[in-house]
Amino acid sequence: MSETTTQTQDWAQVEFEASADQEDIACWLLMQCGANGCEVKPAENKKLLISGCYEKRGLTEKTMRMVVSHLEEYGLSNCLKTLRVSRVPNEDWLAKWKEGFEPFRVGTQFMVCPSWRADSLSKETLERRSVIYIEPGMAFGTGLHTTTQFCLRALESFPPEGKIIDVGTGSGILAIACVLKNPKATVIAVDTDPQAVEMAQIDIELNDLEGKVDLRLGSLDSVLEEQFDMILSNLTCEDIVALLPDYVKMLKKGGRIIGAGVLREKFPLLKEAVERYPLVIEYTEELGSWIGVVLQA
């Protein structure tokens, strides 16, 4: 999404009230339904007002049906009572969003830095941390989400070695992190979304890693016959469960799956699925409404 396009577009806002413990899921659901950005403000009665910004032409009846069904599916039916759509005054949303995006640390080793803040990094930071430069679109991975940060921290505890695949790479941030951690690793990144692959390619180039990440548009079909030492899977619980049969075939003995995007209440579903395969749950971490997990073959 270019800045010029953003300035001339009409915008619409989908908003509803939610409790504080629903904030993370609510924002994630709006982004899953195509929101270009999400904003949270205090509301009455200790509630929060969750707002998702959409291009007006992109906010179709189909999108609204998706929002409603997702709220129901993920236990946020109470939010439907306050669900509403409003027109947003035309302004440069991307520029406004960029103003508040600062470099931030993840774990003890990584720093995520938007391209326009690169000059703000100190020499000490550049020496002590692996810096991941990104050109984030509002709808793609910025590294801000707790599940992405879990995966980055997991790469500190379980260093990437050998051959690695990042499934559903999004912005490419995890694939980039693997190369920064281990330049000798073979890293493949796949995504079925053309826009995500386009964004990932931009981020790969920003980090001077052309040729270091094998970026592919499509499903796992092209890699099902290959063997991997590590699989990164920052996807929903349902997606991870559906992909487990393929993951087991692709994973070397002793290899690991780093998974996130699993809602806490859905973790039993993943645990039950894992028990059907030669996998063990090596590590889990609660991330607010989410669970991060490391599986080992």
C-alpha atoms as a PDB file:
ATOM      1  CA  MET A   1       0.000   0.000   0.000  1.00  0.00           C
ATOM      2  CA  SER A   2       1.672   3.211  -1.130  1.00  0.00           C
ATOM      3  CA  GLU A   3       1.544   6.467   0.803  1.00  0.00           C
ATOM      4  CA  THR A   4      -0.020   8.234  -2.178  1.00  0.00           C
ATOM      5  CA  THR A   5      -2.814   5.696  -2.351  1.00  0.00           C
ATOM      6  CA  THR A   6      -3.403   5.990   1.377  1.00  0.00           C
ATOM      7  CA  GLN A   7      -3.834   9.759   1.190  1.00  0.00           C
ATOM      8  CA  THR A   8      -6.613   9.601  -1.405  1.00  0.00           C
ATOM      9  CA  GLN A   9      -8.553   6.610  -0.123  1.00  0.00           C
ATOM     10  CA  ASP A  10     -11.772   6.715   1.824  1.00  0.00           C
ATOM     11  CA  TRP A  11     -11.659   4.771   5.072  1.00  0.00           C
ATOM     12  CA  ALA A  12     -14.193   2.992   7.217  1.00  0.00           C
ATOM     13  CA  GLN A  13     -13.943   1.855  10.801  1.00  0.00           C
ATOM     14  CA  VAL A  14     -15.289  -1.312  12.396  1.00  0.00           C
ATOM     15  CA  GLU A  15     -15.483  -0.936  16.148  1.00  0.00           C
ATOM     16  CA  PHE A  16     -16.871  -2.662  19.205  1.00  0.00           C
ATOM     17  CA  GLU A  17     -16.384  -2.752  22.951  1.00  0.00           C
ATOM     18  CA  ALA A  18     -14.453  -5.556  24.618  1.00  0.00           C
ATOM     19  CA  SER A  19     -13.060  -6.375  28.034  1.00  0.00           C
ATOM     20  CA  ALA A  20      -9.371  -5.906  28.796  1.00  0.00           C
ATOM     21  CA  ASP A  21      -8.642  -9.629  28.608  1.00  0.00           C
ATOM     22  CA  GLN A  22     -10.175  -9.749  25.117  1.00  0.00           C
ATOM     23  CA  GLU A  23      -8.020  -6.942  23.700  1.00  0.00           C
ATOM     24  CA  ASP A  24      -5.301  -9.072  22.126  1.00  0.00           C
ATOM     25  CA  ILE A  25      -7.680 -11.543  20.493  1.00  0.00           C
ATOM     26  CA  ALA A  26     -10.000  -8.782  19.278  1.00  0.00           C
ATOM     27  CA  CYS A  27      -7.211  -6.883  17.513  1.00  0.00           C
ATOM     28  CA  TRP A  28      -5.842 -10.083  16.018  1.00  0.00           C
ATOM     29  CA  LEU A  29      -9.277 -11.044  14.682  1.00  0.00           C
ATOM     30  CA  LEU A  30      -9.749  -7.676  12.978  1.00  0.00           C
ATOM     31  CA  MET A  31      -6.349  -7.997  11.335  1.00  0.00           C
ATOM     32  CA  GLN A  32      -7.246 -11.533  10.237  1.00  0.00           C
ATOM     33  CA  CYS A  33     -10.339 -10.023   8.630  1.00  0.00           C
ATOM     34  CA  GLY A  34      -8.305  -7.579   6.579  1.00  0.00           C
ATOM     35  CA  ALA A  35      -8.025  -4.501   8.778  1.00  0.00           C
ATOM     36  CA  ASN A  36      -5.177  -2.179   7.797  1.00  0.00           C
ATOM     37  CA  GLY A  37      -4.604  -1.180  11.399  1.00  0.00           C
ATOM     38  CA  CYS A  38      -6.076  -1.526  14.866  1.00  0.00           C
ATOM     39  CA  GLU A  39      -6.570   1.059  17.614  1.00  0.00           C
ATOM     40  CA  VAL A  40      -7.548   0.575  21.259  1.00  0.00           C
ATOM     41  CA  LYS A  41      -9.092   3.307  23.426  1.00  0.00           C
ATOM     42  CA  PRO A  42     -10.685   3.323  26.893  1.00  0.00           C
ATOM     43  CA  ALA A  43     -14.489   3.081  26.911  1.00  0.00           C
ATOM     44  CA  GLU A  44     -17.085   3.272  29.672  1.00  0.00           C
ATOM     45  CA  ASN A  45     -17.551   0.657  32.407  1.00  0.00           C
ATOM     46  CA  LYS A  46     -13.888  -0.396  32.293  1.00  0.00           C
ATOM     47  CA  LYS A  47     -14.323  -1.594  28.719  1.00  0.00           C
ATOM     48  CA  LEU A  48     -12.058  -0.961  25.736  1.00  0.00           C
ATOM     49  CA  LEU A  49     -13.119   0.378  22.349  1.00  0.00           C
ATOM     50  CA  ILE A  50     -11.472  -1.773  19.678  1.00  0.00           C
ATOM     51  CA  SER A  51     -11.349  -0.192  16.215  1.00  0.00           C
ATOM     52  CA  GLY A  52     -10.178  -1.653  12.930  1.00  0.00           C
ATOM     53  CA  CYS A  53      -9.452   0.632   9.977  1.00  0.00           C
ATOM     54  CA  TYR A  54     -10.398  -0.599   6.493  1.00  0.00           C
ATOM     55  CA  GLU A  55     -10.233   0.803   3.009  1.00  0.00           C
ATOM     56  CA  LYS A  56     -13.868   1.685   2.397  1.00  0.00           C
ATOM     57  CA  ARG A  57     -13.984  -0.310  -0.829  1.00  0.00           C
ATOM     58  CA  GLY A  58     -12.570  -3.320   1.005  1.00  0.00           C
ATOM     59  CA  LEU A  59     -15.190  -3.337   3.745  1.00  0.00           C
ATOM     60  CA  THR A  60     -17.720  -5.526   1.950  1.00  0.00           C
ATOM     61  CA  GLU A  61     -20.676  -7.491   3.286  1.00  0.00           C
ATOM     62  CA  LYS A  62     -18.480 -10.583   3.028  1.00  0.00           C
ATOM     63  CA  THR A  63     -15.870  -8.943   5.261  1.00  0.00           C
ATOM     64  CA  MET A  64     -18.490  -8.010   7.845  1.00  0.00           C
ATOM     65  CA  ARG A  65     -19.854 -11.554   7.854  1.00  0.00           C
ATOM     66  CA  MET A  66     -16.306 -12.750   8.469  1.00  0.00           C
ATOM     67  CA  VAL A  67     -15.893 -10.336  11.388  1.00  0.00           C
ATOM     68  CA  VAL A  68     -19.142 -11.551  12.960  1.00  0.00           C
ATOM     69  CA  SER A  69     -18.325 -15.240  12.478  1.00  0.00           C
ATOM     70  CA  HIS A  70     -14.814 -14.793  13.900  1.00  0.00           C
ATOM     71  CA  LEU A  71     -16.131 -12.991  16.974  1.00  0.00           C
ATOM     72  CA  GLU A  72     -18.577 -15.835  17.547  1.00  0.00           C
ATOM     73  CA  GLU A  73     -16.021 -18.575  16.882  1.00  0.00           C
ATOM     74  CA  TYR A  74     -13.432 -17.158  19.272  1.00  0.00           C
ATOM     75  CA  GLY A  75     -15.785 -16.509  22.170  1.00  0.00           C
ATOM     76  CA  LEU A  76     -16.351 -12.785  21.682  1.00  0.00           C
ATOM     77  CA  SER A  77     -20.089 -12.944  20.972  1.00  0.00           C
ATOM     78  CA  ASN A  78     -20.666 -10.341  23.688  1.00  0.00           C
ATOM     79  CA  CYS A  79     -18.883  -7.807  21.458  1.00  0.00           C
ATOM     80  CA  LEU A  80     -21.578  -8.095  18.788  1.00  0.00           C
ATOM     81  CA  LYS A  81     -23.929  -5.939  20.882  1.00  0.00           C
ATOM     82  CA  THR A  82     -21.736  -2.883  20.298  1.00  0.00           C
ATOM     83  CA  LEU A  83     -20.476  -3.730  16.796  1.00  0.00           C
ATOM     84  CA  ARG A  84     -20.818  -0.787  14.420  1.00  0.00           C
ATOM     85  CA  VAL A  85     -19.326   0.683  11.254  1.00  0.00           C
ATOM     86  CA  SER A  86     -18.525   4.356  10.758  1.00  0.00           C
ATOM     87  CA  ARG A  87     -16.862   6.518   8.130  1.00  0.00           C
ATOM     88  CA  VAL A  88     -13.421   7.848   8.999  1.00  0.00           C
ATOM     89  CA  PRO A  89     -12.251  11.356   8.023  1.00  0.00           C
ATOM     90  CA  ASN A  90      -9.771  11.143   5.161  1.00  0.00           C
ATOM     91  CA  GLU A  91      -6.170  11.498   6.325  1.00  0.00           C
ATOM     92  CA  ASP A  92      -2.834   9.872   5.759  1.00  0.00           C
ATOM     93  CA  TRP A  93      -3.257   6.860   8.032  1.00  0.00           C
ATOM     94  CA  LEU A  94       0.063   5.310   7.096  1.00  0.00           C
ATOM     95  CA  ALA A  95       2.016   8.460   8.000  1.00  0.00           C
ATOM     96  CA  LYS A  96       0.100   8.741  11.280  1.00  0.00           C
ATOM     97  CA  TRP A  97       0.842   5.103  12.073  1.00  0.00           C
ATOM     98  CA  LYS A  98       4.531   5.476  11.246  1.00  0.00           C
ATOM     99  CA  GLU A  99       4.909   8.337  13.724  1.00  0.00           C
ATOM    100  CA  GLY A 100       4.379   6.004  16.660  1.00  0.00           C
ATOM    101  CA  PHE A 101       6.453   3.071  15.427  1.00  0.00           C
ATOM    102  CA  GLU A 102       9.782   2.983  17.265  1.00  0.00           C
ATOM    103  CA  PRO A 103      12.568   0.357  17.244  1.00  0.00           C
ATOM    104  CA  PHE A 104      12.043  -2.199  20.003  1.00  0.00           C
ATOM    105  CA  ARG A 105      13.984  -5.012  21.652  1.00  0.00           C
ATOM    106  CA  VAL A 106      12.866  -8.625  21.595  1.00  0.00           C
ATOM    107  CA  GLY A 107      14.495 -11.035  23.994  1.00  0.00           C
ATOM    108  CA  THR A 108      18.182 -10.504  24.726  1.00  0.00           C
ATOM    109  CA  GLN A 109      19.498 -10.646  21.175  1.00  0.00           C
ATOM    110  CA  PHE A 110      17.095  -9.073  18.663  1.00  0.00           C
ATOM    111  CA  MET A 111      16.070  -5.535  17.789  1.00  0.00           C
ATOM    112  CA  VAL A 112      13.235  -4.872  15.321  1.00  0.00           C
ATOM    113  CA  CYS A 113      13.626  -1.557  13.541  1.00  0.00           C
ATOM    114  CA  PRO A 114      11.378   0.089  10.923  1.00  0.00           C
ATOM    115  CA  SER A 115      13.386   1.277   7.941  1.00  0.00           C
ATOM    116  CA  TRP A 116      12.694   4.955   8.616  1.00  0.00           C
ATOM    117  CA  ARG A 117      14.196   4.702  12.139  1.00  0.00           C
ATOM    118  CA  ALA A 118      17.468   3.026  11.130  1.00  0.00           C
ATOM    119  CA  ASP A 119      19.556   6.155  11.793  1.00  0.00           C
ATOM    120  CA  SER A 120      18.285   6.311  15.381  1.00  0.00           C
ATOM    121  CA  LEU A 121      20.074   3.127  16.479  1.00  0.00           C
ATOM    122  CA  SER A 122      23.137   3.553  18.654  1.00  0.00           C
ATOM    123  CA  LYS A 123      26.499   1.973  17.912  1.00  0.00           C
ATOM    124  CA  GLU A 124      26.119  -0.082  21.098  1.00  0.00           C
ATOM    125  CA  THR A 125      22.782  -1.501  19.910  1.00  0.00           C
ATOM    126  CA  LEU A 126      24.229  -2.407  16.516  1.00  0.00           C
ATOM    127  CA  GLU A 127      27.116  -4.213  18.214  1.00  0.00           C
ATOM    128  CA  ARG A 128      25.079  -6.088  20.817  1.00  0.00           C
ATOM    129  CA  ARG A 129      21.910  -7.056  18.959  1.00  0.00           C
ATOM    130  CA  SER A 130      20.867  -8.646  15.690  1.00  0.00           C
ATOM    131  CA  VAL A 131      18.841  -5.887  14.057  1.00  0.00           C
ATOM    132  CA  ILE A 132      15.921  -6.871  11.833  1.00  0.00           C
ATOM    133  CA  TYR A 133      14.974  -3.994   9.532  1.00  0.00           C
ATOM    134  CA  ILE A 134      11.406  -4.010   8.266  1.00  0.00           C
ATOM    135  CA  GLU A 135       9.192  -1.918   6.029  1.00  0.00           C
ATOM    136  CA  PRO A 136       5.946  -2.847   7.776  1.00  0.00           C
ATOM    137  CA  GLY A 137       2.590  -2.530   6.120  1.00  0.00           C
ATOM    138  CA  MET A 138      -0.124  -2.052   8.729  1.00  0.00           C
ATOM    139  CA  ALA A 139      -1.677  -5.438   7.949  1.00  0.00           C
ATOM    140  CA  PHE A 140       1.492  -7.522   8.018  1.00  0.00           C
ATOM    141  CA  GLY A 141       3.848  -8.732  10.689  1.00  0.00           C
ATOM    142  CA  THR A 142       5.626  -5.910  12.474  1.00  0.00           C
ATOM    143  CA  GLY A 143       7.079  -8.041  15.250  1.00  0.00           C
ATOM    144  CA  LEU A 144       4.816  -6.298  17.730  1.00  0.00           C
ATOM    145  CA  HIS A 145       2.498  -9.249  18.227  1.00  0.00           C
ATOM    146  CA  THR A 146       3.260 -11.451  21.221  1.00  0.00           C
ATOM    147  CA  THR A 147       3.272 -14.627  19.117  1.00  0.00           C
ATOM    148  CA  THR A 148       5.944 -13.244  16.778  1.00  0.00           C
ATOM    149  CA  GLN A 149       8.020 -12.157  19.754  1.00  0.00           C
ATOM    150  CA  PHE A 150       7.716 -15.632  21.270  1.00  0.00           C
ATOM    151  CA  CYS A 151       9.105 -17.159  18.077  1.00  0.00           C
ATOM    152  CA  LEU A 152      12.031 -14.731  18.096  1.00  0.00           C
ATOM    153  CA  ARG A 153      12.822 -15.521  21.731  1.00  0.00           C
ATOM    154  CA  ALA A 154      12.536 -19.229  20.975  1.00  0.00           C
ATOM    155  CA  LEU A 155      15.204 -18.816  18.291  1.00  0.00           C
ATOM    156  CA  GLU A 156      17.506 -17.593  21.063  1.00  0.00           C
ATOM    157  CA  SER A 157      16.860 -20.683  23.205  1.00  0.00           C
ATOM    158  CA  PHE A 158      16.748 -23.111  20.278  1.00  0.00           C
ATOM    159  CA  PRO A 159      19.231 -21.705  17.739  1.00  0.00           C
ATOM    160  CA  PRO A 160      18.419 -22.397  14.074  1.00  0.00           C
ATOM    161  CA  GLU A 161      20.734 -24.913  12.471  1.00  0.00           C
ATOM    162  CA  GLY A 162      20.765 -26.871   9.247  1.00  0.00           C
ATOM    163  CA  LYS A 163      17.679 -26.487   7.104  1.00  0.00           C
ATOM    164  CA  ILE A 164      14.738 -24.362   8.259  1.00  0.00           C
ATOM    165  CA  ILE A 165      11.324 -23.505   6.836  1.00  0.00           C
ATOM    166  CA  ASP A 166       9.102 -20.602   7.874  1.00  0.00           C
ATOM    167  CA  VAL A 167       5.501 -21.544   7.055  1.00  0.00           C
ATOM    168  CA  GLY A 168       3.207 -18.558   6.534  1.00  0.00           C
ATOM    169  CA  THR A 169       6.158 -16.182   6.564  1.00  0.00           C
ATOM    170  CA  GLY A 170       4.116 -12.953   6.394  1.00  0.00           C
ATOM    171  CA  SER A 171       6.631 -10.104   6.585  1.00  0.00           C
ATOM    172  CA  GLY A 172       9.526 -12.573   6.570  1.00  0.00           C
ATOM    173  CA  ILE A 173      10.700 -11.458   9.995  1.00  0.00           C
ATOM    174  CA  LEU A 174      11.287 -14.976  11.368  1.00  0.00           C
ATOM    175  CA  ALA A 175      13.114 -16.191   8.269  1.00  0.00           C
ATOM    176  CA  ILE A 176      15.321 -13.101   8.420  1.00  0.00           C
ATOM    177  CA  ALA A 177      16.012 -13.738  12.115  1.00  0.00           C
ATOM    178  CA  CYS A 178      17.168 -17.280  11.316  1.00  0.00           C
ATOM    179  CA  VAL A 179      19.728 -16.039   8.801  1.00  0.00           C
ATOM    180  CA  LEU A 180      20.972 -13.347  11.178  1.00  0.00           C
ATOM    181  CA  LYS A 181      21.376 -15.951  13.926  1.00  0.00           C
ATOM    182  CA  ASN A 182      23.067 -18.461  11.628  1.00  0.00           C
ATOM    183  CA  PRO A 183      24.254 -17.241   8.212  1.00  0.00           C
ATOM    184  CA  LYS A 184      25.190 -20.818   7.284  1.00  0.00           C
ATOM    185  CA  ALA A 185      21.614 -22.097   7.693  1.00  0.00           C
ATOM    186  CA  THR A 186      19.465 -22.933   4.683  1.00  0.00           C
ATOM    187  CA  VAL A 187      16.228 -20.972   5.087  1.00  0.00           C
ATOM    188  CA  ILE A 188      13.049 -21.394   3.041  1.00  0.00           C
ATOM    189  CA  ALA A 189      10.032 -19.124   3.579  1.00  0.00           C
ATOM    190  CA  VAL A 190       6.598 -19.867   2.107  1.00  0.00           C
ATOM    191  CA  ASP A 191       3.273 -18.053   2.073  1.00  0.00           C
ATOM    192  CA  THR A 192       0.093 -18.466   0.055  1.00  0.00           C
ATOM    193  CA  ASP A 193      -0.611 -14.712   0.074  1.00  0.00           C
ATOM    194  CA  PRO A 194       1.033 -12.821  -2.836  1.00  0.00           C
ATOM    195  CA  GLN A 195       0.977  -9.551  -0.881  1.00  0.00           C
ATOM    196  CA  ALA A 196       2.761 -11.176   2.050  1.00  0.00           C
ATOM    197  CA  VAL A 197       5.461 -12.555  -0.244  1.00  0.00           C
ATOM    198  CA  GLU A 198       5.875  -9.104  -1.774  1.00  0.00           C
ATOM    199  CA  MET A 199       6.322  -7.557   1.684  1.00  0.00           C
ATOM    200  CA  ALA A 200       8.730 -10.318   2.736  1.00  0.00           C
ATOM    201  CA  GLN A 201      10.874  -9.702  -0.346  1.00  0.00           C
ATOM    202  CA  ILE A 202      11.108  -6.005   0.539  1.00  0.00           C
ATOM    203  CA  ASP A 203      12.206  -6.853   4.084  1.00  0.00           C
ATOM    204  CA  ILE A 204      14.756  -9.399   2.864  1.00  0.00           C
ATOM    205  CA  GLU A 205      16.304  -6.742   0.626  1.00  0.00           C
ATOM    206  CA  LEU A 206      16.296  -4.190   3.466  1.00  0.00           C
ATOM    207  CA  ASN A 207      18.471  -6.587   5.465  1.00  0.00           C
ATOM    208  CA  ASP A 208      20.822  -7.246   2.522  1.00  0.00           C
ATOM    209  CA  LEU A 209      19.847 -10.919   2.530  1.00  0.00           C
ATOM    210  CA  GLU A 210      19.002 -11.427  -1.143  1.00  0.00           C
ATOM    211  CA  GLY A 211      19.811 -15.029  -1.975  1.00  0.00           C
ATOM    212  CA  LYS A 212      19.981 -15.997   1.700  1.00  0.00           C
ATOM    213  CA  VAL A 213      16.243 -16.699   2.057  1.00  0.00           C
ATOM    214  CA  ASP A 214      14.515 -18.926  -0.492  1.00  0.00           C
ATOM    215  CA  LEU A 215      11.161 -17.115  -0.645  1.00  0.00           C
ATOM    216  CA  ARG A 216       8.294 -18.991  -2.307  1.00  0.00           C
ATOM    217  CA  LEU A 217       4.679 -18.187  -3.102  1.00  0.00           C
ATOM    218  CA  GLY A 218       2.455 -21.195  -2.493  1.00  0.00           C
ATOM    219  CA  SER A 219       1.694 -24.040  -0.117  1.00  0.00           C
ATOM    220  CA  LEU A 220       3.918 -26.788   1.261  1.00  0.00           C
ATOM    221  CA  ASP A 221       3.494 -28.872  -1.889  1.00  0.00           C
ATOM    222  CA  SER A 222       6.892 -27.814  -3.232  1.00  0.00           C
ATOM    223  CA  VAL A 223       8.746 -28.922  -0.089  1.00  0.00           C
ATOM    224  CA  LEU A 224       6.880 -32.022   1.083  1.00  0.00           C
ATOM    225  CA  GLU A 225       9.714 -34.295  -0.043  1.00  0.00           C
ATOM    226  CA  GLU A 226      12.380 -32.258   1.755  1.00  0.00           C
ATOM    227  CA  GLN A 227      13.679 -32.734   5.288  1.00  0.00           C
ATOM    228  CA  PHE A 228      14.053 -29.916   7.803  1.00  0.00           C
ATOM    229  CA  ASP A 229      15.778 -29.389  11.136  1.00  0.00           C
ATOM    230  CA  MET A 230      13.315 -26.687  12.183  1.00  0.00           C
ATOM    231  CA  ILE A 231       9.807 -25.609  11.183  1.00  0.00           C
ATOM    232  CA  LEU A 232       8.522 -22.171  12.170  1.00  0.00           C
ATOM    233  CA  SER A 233       4.731 -22.076  12.317  1.00  0.00           C
ATOM    234  CA  ASN A 234       3.247 -18.818  13.623  1.00  0.00           C
ATOM    235  CA  LEU A 235      -0.263 -19.830  12.569  1.00  0.00           C
ATOM    236  CA  THR A 236      -3.618 -20.499  14.204  1.00  0.00           C
ATOM    237  CA  CYS A 237      -4.166 -23.652  16.230  1.00  0.00           C
ATOM    238  CA  GLU A 238      -6.447 -25.046  13.536  1.00  0.00           C
ATOM    239  CA  ASP A 239      -3.836 -24.452  10.841  1.00  0.00           C
ATOM    240  CA  ILE A 240      -1.058 -26.066  12.861  1.00  0.00           C
ATOM    241  CA  VAL A 241      -3.200 -29.121  13.627  1.00  0.00           C
ATOM    242  CA  ALA A 242      -4.128 -29.466   9.950  1.00  0.00           C
ATOM    243  CA  LEU A 243      -0.471 -29.238   8.911  1.00  0.00           C
ATOM    244  CA  LEU A 244       0.927 -31.636  11.539  1.00  0.00           C
ATOM    245  CA  PRO A 245       0.816 -34.694   9.220  1.00  0.00           C
ATOM    246  CA  ASP A 246       2.970 -32.814   6.700  1.00  0.00           C
ATOM    247  CA  TYR A 247       5.225 -31.399   9.388  1.00  0.00           C
ATOM    248  CA  VAL A 248       5.943 -34.874  10.769  1.00  0.00           C
ATOM    249  CA  LYS A 249       6.960 -36.090   7.304  1.00  0.00           C
ATOM    250  CA  MET A 250       9.194 -33.071   6.759  1.00  0.00           C
ATOM    251  CA  LEU A 251      10.864 -32.951  10.182  1.00  0.00           C
ATOM    252  CA  LYS A 252      14.143 -34.737  10.836  1.00  0.00           C
ATOM    253  CA  LYS A 253      14.536 -36.867  13.941  1.00  0.00           C
ATOM    254  CA  GLY A 254      15.393 -34.499  16.782  1.00  0.00           C
ATOM    255  CA  GLY A 255      14.122 -31.535  14.789  1.00  0.00           C
ATOM    256  CA  ARG A 256      11.833 -28.894  16.255  1.00  0.00           C
ATOM    257  CA  ILE A 257       8.593 -27.106  15.444  1.00  0.00           C
ATOM    258  CA  ILE A 258       8.252 -23.624  16.928  1.00  0.00           C
ATOM    259  CA  GLY A 259       4.546 -22.833  16.981  1.00  0.00           C
ATOM    260  CA  ALA A 260       2.560 -19.811  18.094  1.00  0.00           C
ATOM    261  CA  GLY A 261      -0.810 -18.279  17.286  1.00  0.00           C
ATOM    262  CA  VAL A 262      -2.520 -20.856  19.509  1.00  0.00           C
ATOM    263  CA  LEU A 263      -5.275 -19.377  21.652  1.00  0.00           C
ATOM    264  CA  ARG A 264      -5.073 -20.553  25.252  1.00  0.00           C
ATOM    265  CA  GLU A 265      -8.502 -22.188  25.200  1.00  0.00           C
ATOM    266  CA  LYS A 266      -7.590 -24.096  22.029  1.00  0.00           C
ATOM    267  CA  PHE A 267      -4.311 -25.497  23.333  1.00  0.00           C
ATOM    268  CA  PRO A 268      -5.967 -28.799  24.417  1.00  0.00           C
ATOM    269  CA  LEU A 269      -6.873 -29.324  20.748  1.00  0.00           C
ATOM    270  CA  LEU A 270      -3.221 -28.995  19.753  1.00  0.00           C
ATOM    271  CA  LYS A 271      -2.047 -31.162  22.639  1.00  0.00           C
ATOM    272  CA  GLU A 272      -4.458 -33.931  21.654  1.00  0.00           C
ATOM    273  CA  ALA A 273      -3.289 -33.761  18.038  1.00  0.00           C
ATOM    274  CA  VAL A 274       0.393 -33.882  19.007  1.00  0.00           C
ATOM    275  CA  GLU A 275      -0.186 -37.102  20.957  1.00  0.00           C
ATOM    276  CA  ARG A 276      -1.096 -38.849  17.698  1.00  0.00           C
ATOM    277  CA  TYR A 277       2.370 -38.287  16.256  1.00  0.00           C
ATOM    278  CA  PRO A 278       5.987 -39.037  17.235  1.00  0.00           C
ATOM    279  CA  LEU A 279       6.336 -35.592  18.786  1.00  0.00           C
ATOM    280  CA  VAL A 280       6.861 -34.349  22.322  1.00  0.00           C
ATOM    281  CA  ILE A 281       5.979 -30.954  23.762  1.00  0.00           C
ATOM    282  CA  GLU A 282       9.395 -29.675  24.790  1.00  0.00           C
ATOM    283  CA  TYR A 283       8.415 -26.204  25.966  1.00  0.00           C
ATOM    284  CA  THR A 284       5.330 -24.012  26.346  1.00  0.00           C
ATOM    285  CA  GLU A 285       4.867 -20.390  27.342  1.00  0.00           C
ATOM    286  CA  GLU A 286       1.715 -18.447  28.161  1.00  0.00           C
ATOM    287  CA  LEU A 287       1.489 -15.198  26.217  1.00  0.00           C
ATOM    288  CA  GLY A 288      -1.617 -13.552  27.617  1.00  0.00           C
ATOM    289  CA  SER A 289      -4.424 -15.001  25.510  1.00  0.00           C
ATOM    290  CA  TRP A 290      -1.983 -17.135  23.530  1.00  0.00           C
ATOM    291  CA  ILE A 291       0.266 -20.145  23.979  1.00  0.00           C
ATOM    292  CA  GLY A 292       3.681 -20.549  22.385  1.00  0.00           C
ATOM    293  CA  VAL A 293       4.985 -24.080  21.988  1.00  0.00           C
ATOM    294  CA  VAL A 294       8.124 -25.940  20.943  1.00  0.00           C
ATOM    295  CA  LEU A 295       7.662 -29.509  19.706  1.00  0.00           C
ATOM    296  CA  GLN A 296      10.465 -31.993  19.124  1.00  0.00           C
ATOM    297  CA  ALA A 297      10.520 -35.100  16.943  1.00  0.00           C
END
